[in-house]
Amino acid sequence: MTRIVPAGRYAASRLRTPSEVAALPARHGLTDGGICDFKPHRVRGLIAGVRARRAGRVTDDVLEAMVRFALAPGSKPLVTYLGHARKGRL
């Protein structure tokens, strides 16, 4: 819909829900460190970045600096999220 990434870069079969990500560490002998929401610093920056990327004015390496994504601990993951784990106990 937004077409900000080249076609075919992401396959739906590779996407995982937060609960699926949370279940992975134990399967690999790791301690789950939790999942954190990952969102743009400012919505305006995201909109400007999407428009510039769609128009071909910026590339992916520039887009990251324009949008400035940030972690949002304690926030419910809605779209983009990161999971982390550690070897051994926390």
C-alpha atoms as a PDB file:
ATOM      1  CA  MET A   1       0.000   0.000   0.000  1.00  0.00           C
ATOM      2  CA  THR A   2       2.705   2.524   0.897  1.00  0.00           C
ATOM      3  CA  ARG A   3       5.271   1.154  -1.554  1.00  0.00           C
ATOM      4  CA  ILE A   4       8.176   2.553   0.438  1.00  0.00           C
ATOM      5  CA  VAL A   5      10.239  -0.608   0.014  1.00  0.00           C
ATOM      6  CA  PRO A   6      11.034  -2.444  -3.196  1.00  0.00           C
ATOM      7  CA  ALA A   7       8.498  -5.092  -4.222  1.00  0.00           C
ATOM      8  CA  GLY A   8       9.230  -8.531  -2.816  1.00  0.00           C
ATOM      9  CA  ARG A   9      11.562  -7.353  -0.046  1.00  0.00           C
ATOM     10  CA  TYR A  10       9.292  -8.662   2.701  1.00  0.00           C
ATOM     11  CA  ALA A  11       7.336 -11.893   2.453  1.00  0.00           C
ATOM     12  CA  ALA A  12       4.239 -12.387   4.601  1.00  0.00           C
ATOM     13  CA  SER A  13       5.475 -15.887   5.439  1.00  0.00           C
ATOM     14  CA  ARG A  14       8.442 -14.336   7.312  1.00  0.00           C
ATOM     15  CA  LEU A  15       6.341 -12.096   9.574  1.00  0.00           C
ATOM     16  CA  ARG A  16       5.804 -13.199  13.194  1.00  0.00           C
ATOM     17  CA  THR A  17       3.284 -12.076  15.804  1.00  0.00           C
ATOM     18  CA  PRO A  18       4.533 -10.789  19.193  1.00  0.00           C
ATOM     19  CA  SER A  19       3.456 -14.071  20.842  1.00  0.00           C
ATOM     20  CA  GLU A  20       5.422 -16.091  18.260  1.00  0.00           C
ATOM     21  CA  VAL A  21       8.510 -13.935  18.852  1.00  0.00           C
ATOM     22  CA  ALA A  22       8.138 -14.382  22.633  1.00  0.00           C
ATOM     23  CA  ALA A  23       8.063 -18.191  22.265  1.00  0.00           C
ATOM     24  CA  LEU A  24      11.310 -18.411  20.258  1.00  0.00           C
ATOM     25  CA  PRO A  25      13.965 -17.799  22.960  1.00  0.00           C
ATOM     26  CA  ALA A  26      13.045 -20.852  25.071  1.00  0.00           C
ATOM     27  CA  ARG A  27      13.271 -23.097  22.017  1.00  0.00           C
ATOM     28  CA  HIS A  28      16.885 -22.021  21.623  1.00  0.00           C
ATOM     29  CA  GLY A  29      17.954 -22.101  25.272  1.00  0.00           C
ATOM     30  CA  LEU A  30      17.693 -18.341  25.759  1.00  0.00           C
ATOM     31  CA  THR A  31      15.974 -16.224  28.421  1.00  0.00           C
ATOM     32  CA  ASP A  32      13.241 -14.006  26.993  1.00  0.00           C
ATOM     33  CA  GLY A  33      13.971 -10.319  27.571  1.00  0.00           C
ATOM     34  CA  GLY A  34      10.610  -9.111  26.333  1.00  0.00           C
ATOM     35  CA  ILE A  35       9.135  -7.369  23.330  1.00  0.00           C
ATOM     36  CA  CYS A  36       9.189  -3.624  22.804  1.00  0.00           C
ATOM     37  CA  ASP A  37       7.180  -1.425  20.447  1.00  0.00           C
ATOM     38  CA  PHE A  38       9.279   0.303  17.796  1.00  0.00           C
ATOM     39  CA  LYS A  39       7.717   3.442  16.310  1.00  0.00           C
ATOM     40  CA  PRO A  40       8.610   6.685  14.536  1.00  0.00           C
ATOM     41  CA  HIS A  41       9.814   9.546  16.713  1.00  0.00           C
ATOM     42  CA  ARG A  42       7.312  11.863  14.992  1.00  0.00           C
ATOM     43  CA  VAL A  43       4.406  10.961  12.712  1.00  0.00           C
ATOM     44  CA  ARG A  44       5.280  13.922  10.457  1.00  0.00           C
ATOM     45  CA  GLY A  45       8.749  12.471   9.934  1.00  0.00           C
ATOM     46  CA  LEU A  46       7.226   9.146   8.905  1.00  0.00           C
ATOM     47  CA  ILE A  47       4.840  10.810   6.449  1.00  0.00           C
ATOM     48  CA  ALA A  48       7.628  12.949   4.953  1.00  0.00           C
ATOM     49  CA  GLY A  49       9.864   9.898   4.672  1.00  0.00           C
ATOM     50  CA  VAL A  50       7.187   7.775   2.996  1.00  0.00           C
ATOM     51  CA  ARG A  51       6.410  10.521   0.487  1.00  0.00           C
ATOM     52  CA  ALA A  52      10.080  11.136  -0.314  1.00  0.00           C
ATOM     53  CA  ARG A  53      10.766   7.388  -0.709  1.00  0.00           C
ATOM     54  CA  ARG A  54       7.753   6.872  -2.977  1.00  0.00           C
ATOM     55  CA  ALA A  55       8.816   9.831  -5.121  1.00  0.00           C
ATOM     56  CA  GLY A  56      12.349   8.461  -5.400  1.00  0.00           C
ATOM     57  CA  ARG A  57      13.906  11.499  -3.699  1.00  0.00           C
ATOM     58  CA  VAL A  58      15.555   9.393  -0.983  1.00  0.00           C
ATOM     59  CA  THR A  59      16.905   5.873  -0.647  1.00  0.00           C
ATOM     60  CA  ASP A  60      16.468   3.413   2.239  1.00  0.00           C
ATOM     61  CA  ASP A  61      19.709   4.517   3.920  1.00  0.00           C
ATOM     62  CA  VAL A  62      18.462   8.141   4.111  1.00  0.00           C
ATOM     63  CA  LEU A  63      14.921   7.143   5.094  1.00  0.00           C
ATOM     64  CA  GLU A  64      16.065   5.792   8.459  1.00  0.00           C
ATOM     65  CA  ALA A  65      17.484   9.176   9.514  1.00  0.00           C
ATOM     66  CA  MET A  66      14.350  11.008   8.330  1.00  0.00           C
ATOM     67  CA  VAL A  67      11.933   8.832  10.270  1.00  0.00           C
ATOM     68  CA  ARG A  68      14.063   8.292  13.409  1.00  0.00           C
ATOM     69  CA  PHE A  69      12.426   5.190  14.849  1.00  0.00           C
ATOM     70  CA  ALA A  70      12.599   4.786  18.630  1.00  0.00           C
ATOM     71  CA  LEU A  71      11.874   2.076  21.157  1.00  0.00           C
ATOM     72  CA  ALA A  72       8.713   2.558  23.233  1.00  0.00           C
ATOM     73  CA  PRO A  73       8.968   0.279  26.301  1.00  0.00           C
ATOM     74  CA  GLY A  74       5.636  -0.404  27.986  1.00  0.00           C
ATOM     75  CA  SER A  75       3.706   0.452  24.851  1.00  0.00           C
ATOM     76  CA  LYS A  76       1.598  -2.275  23.231  1.00  0.00           C
ATOM     77  CA  PRO A  77       3.291  -3.384  19.987  1.00  0.00           C
ATOM     78  CA  LEU A  78       0.936  -2.545  17.124  1.00  0.00           C
ATOM     79  CA  VAL A  79       2.923  -2.738  13.906  1.00  0.00           C
ATOM     80  CA  THR A  80       6.675  -2.899  14.373  1.00  0.00           C
ATOM     81  CA  TYR A  81       8.318  -4.450  17.393  1.00  0.00           C
ATOM     82  CA  LEU A  82      11.597  -5.902  18.563  1.00  0.00           C
ATOM     83  CA  GLY A  83      12.172  -8.920  20.745  1.00  0.00           C
ATOM     84  CA  HIS A  84      15.375  -9.652  22.619  1.00  0.00           C
ATOM     85  CA  ALA A  85      16.816 -12.509  24.634  1.00  0.00           C
ATOM     86  CA  ARG A  86      19.949 -13.431  26.537  1.00  0.00           C
ATOM     87  CA  LYS A  87      21.980 -16.556  26.915  1.00  0.00           C
ATOM     88  CA  GLY A  88      21.452 -17.795  30.472  1.00  0.00           C
ATOM     89  CA  ARG A  89      19.312 -16.144  33.145  1.00  0.00           C
ATOM     90  CA  LEU A  90      18.406 -12.464  33.389  1.00  0.00           C
END
